[in-house]
C-alpha atoms as a PDB file:
ATOM      1  CA  MET A   1     -12.100-139.545 -36.568  1.00  0.00           C
ATOM      2  CA  LEU A   2     -11.658-136.903 -33.893  1.00  0.00           C
ATOM      3  CA  ALA A   3     -10.592-139.489 -31.346  1.00  0.00           C
ATOM      4  CA  LYS A   4      -8.001-140.896 -33.703  1.00  0.00           C
ATOM      5  CA  PHE A   5      -6.765-137.409 -34.610  1.00  0.00           C
ATOM      6  CA  TYR A   6      -6.337-136.468 -30.941  1.00  0.00           C
ATOM      7  CA  GLY A   7      -4.956-139.879 -29.977  1.00  0.00           C
ATOM      8  CA  THR A   8      -7.712-140.655 -27.511  1.00  0.00           C
ATOM      9  CA  THR A   9     -11.028-142.511 -27.330  1.00  0.00           C
ATOM     10  CA  THR A  10     -14.536-141.441 -28.250  1.00  0.00           C
ATOM     11  CA  ASP A  11     -15.550-142.185 -24.643  1.00  0.00           C
ATOM     12  CA  TYR A  12     -13.102-139.512 -23.455  1.00  0.00           C
ATOM     13  CA  ILE A  13     -14.296-136.954 -26.034  1.00  0.00           C
ATOM     14  CA  LEU A  14     -17.937-137.599 -25.079  1.00  0.00           C
ATOM     15  CA  GLY A  15     -17.157-137.296 -21.353  1.00  0.00           C
ATOM     16  CA  HIS A  16     -17.872-140.948 -20.487  1.00  0.00           C
ATOM     17  CA  THR A  17     -14.425-141.430 -18.934  1.00  0.00           C
ATOM     18  CA  ASP A  18     -11.610-139.364 -17.461  1.00  0.00           C
ATOM     19  CA  ASN A  19      -9.016-141.694 -18.963  1.00  0.00           C
ATOM     20  CA  LYS A  20      -7.798-140.175 -22.219  1.00  0.00           C
ATOM     21  CA  GLU A  21      -5.386-143.054 -22.947  1.00  0.00           C
ATOM     22  CA  THR A  22      -6.398-145.478 -25.664  1.00  0.00           C
ATOM     23  CA  PRO A  23      -6.550-148.931 -24.078  1.00  0.00           C
ATOM     24  CA  ASP A  24      -4.348-151.650 -25.552  1.00  0.00           C
ATOM     25  CA  PRO A  25      -6.780-154.067 -27.251  1.00  0.00           C
ATOM     26  CA  TYR A  26      -4.152-156.817 -27.102  1.00  0.00           C
ATOM     27  CA  GLU A  27      -3.120-156.420 -23.450  1.00  0.00           C
ATOM     28  CA  ASN A  28      -4.478-159.828 -22.416  1.00  0.00           C
ATOM     29  CA  GLU A  29      -2.868-161.533 -25.393  1.00  0.00           C
ATOM     30  CA  ARG A  30       0.513-159.956 -24.639  1.00  0.00           C
ATOM     31  CA  GLU A  31       0.282-161.056 -21.007  1.00  0.00           C
ATOM     32  CA  PHE A  32      -0.619-164.581 -22.101  1.00  0.00           C
ATOM     33  CA  LEU A  33       2.219-164.844 -24.631  1.00  0.00           C
ATOM     34  CA  THR A  34       4.714-163.603 -22.051  1.00  0.00           C
ATOM     35  CA  ALA A  35       3.401-166.112 -19.513  1.00  0.00           C
ATOM     36  CA  ILE A  36       3.745-168.998 -21.970  1.00  0.00           C
ATOM     37  CA  ASP A  37       7.461-168.368 -22.307  1.00  0.00           C
ATOM     38  CA  LEU A  38       8.025-167.985 -18.567  1.00  0.00           C
ATOM     39  CA  SER A  39       5.712-170.558 -16.997  1.00  0.00           C
ATOM     40  CA  THR A  40       5.053-174.253 -16.719  1.00  0.00           C
ATOM     41  CA  ASP A  41       1.921-175.760 -18.269  1.00  0.00           C
ATOM     42  CA  GLU A  42       0.286-176.000 -14.845  1.00  0.00           C
ATOM     43  CA  GLU A  43       1.002-172.356 -14.009  1.00  0.00           C
ATOM     44  CA  ILE A  44      -0.463-171.248 -17.331  1.00  0.00           C
ATOM     45  CA  LYS A  45      -3.586-173.397 -16.833  1.00  0.00           C
ATOM     46  CA  ASN A  46      -4.105-171.956 -13.347  1.00  0.00           C
ATOM     47  CA  ARG A  47      -3.470-168.349 -14.363  1.00  0.00           C
ATOM     48  CA  PHE A  48      -5.770-168.123 -17.386  1.00  0.00           C
ATOM     49  CA  ILE A  49      -9.256-169.319 -18.307  1.00  0.00           C
ATOM     50  CA  PHE A  50      -9.277-171.197 -21.592  1.00  0.00           C
ATOM     51  CA  GLU A  51     -12.602-171.231 -23.420  1.00  0.00           C
ATOM     52  CA  ILE A  52     -13.595-172.485 -26.841  1.00  0.00           C
ATOM     53  CA  ASP A  53     -17.105-171.826 -28.152  1.00  0.00           C
ATOM     54  CA  GLY A  54     -18.046-170.370 -24.766  1.00  0.00           C
ATOM     55  CA  GLN A  55     -17.100-173.498 -22.812  1.00  0.00           C
ATOM     56  CA  GLU A  56     -14.063-173.871 -20.585  1.00  0.00           C
ATOM     57  CA  VAL A  57     -11.655-176.468 -21.918  1.00  0.00           C
ATOM     58  CA  THR A  58     -11.185-179.638 -19.928  1.00  0.00           C
ATOM     59  CA  GLU A  59      -7.860-180.719 -18.473  1.00  0.00           C
ATOM     60  CA  GLU A  60      -7.511-183.288 -21.275  1.00  0.00           C
ATOM     61  CA  GLU A  61      -8.298-180.695 -23.977  1.00  0.00           C
ATOM     62  CA  PHE A  62      -5.723-178.333 -22.477  1.00  0.00           C
ATOM     63  CA  LYS A  63      -3.048-181.047 -22.549  1.00  0.00           C
ATOM     64  CA  ARG A  64      -3.874-181.821 -26.198  1.00  0.00           C
ATOM     65  CA  MET A  65      -3.669-178.120 -27.128  1.00  0.00           C
ATOM     66  CA  VAL A  66      -0.237-177.819 -25.526  1.00  0.00           C
ATOM     67  CA  ALA A  67       0.919-181.024 -27.244  1.00  0.00           C
ATOM     68  CA  ALA A  68      -0.333-179.748 -30.614  1.00  0.00           C
ATOM     69  CA  VAL A  69       1.552-176.460 -30.227  1.00  0.00           C
ATOM     70  CA  ARG A  70       4.730-178.262 -29.204  1.00  0.00           C
ATOM     71  CA  SER A  71       4.433-180.637 -32.165  1.00  0.00           C
ATOM     72  CA  GLU A  72       3.998-177.745 -34.571  1.00  0.00           C
ATOM     73  CA  ARG A  73       6.990-175.912 -33.127  1.00  0.00           C
ATOM     74  CA  LEU A  74       9.125-179.032 -33.393  1.00  0.00           C
ATOM     75  CA  TYR A  75       8.009-179.535 -36.995  1.00  0.00           C
ATOM     76  CA  ARG A  76       8.893-175.938 -37.896  1.00  0.00           C
ATOM     77  CA  LYS A  77      12.363-176.367 -36.387  1.00  0.00           C
ATOM     78  CA  ASN A  78      12.988-179.641 -38.262  1.00  0.00           C
ATOM     79  CA  PRO A  79      10.920-179.669 -41.481  1.00  0.00           C
END
């Protein structure tokens, strides 16, 4: 509660870090979502590691994931 009140982290209050800023828990997700809009499929695949159940997805699985997302987006545009 003290950390939240002071807008910092418990690590900072306890002296475990000198960084009093609260880290953004969604930083990686924001970077990924920005990259999706600005990159080709190949650039995205090379820039990020995609894992499901602790295993890296194969090239074929990646292509199917992208196709599934595109299909869903197309469906939402034209129900």
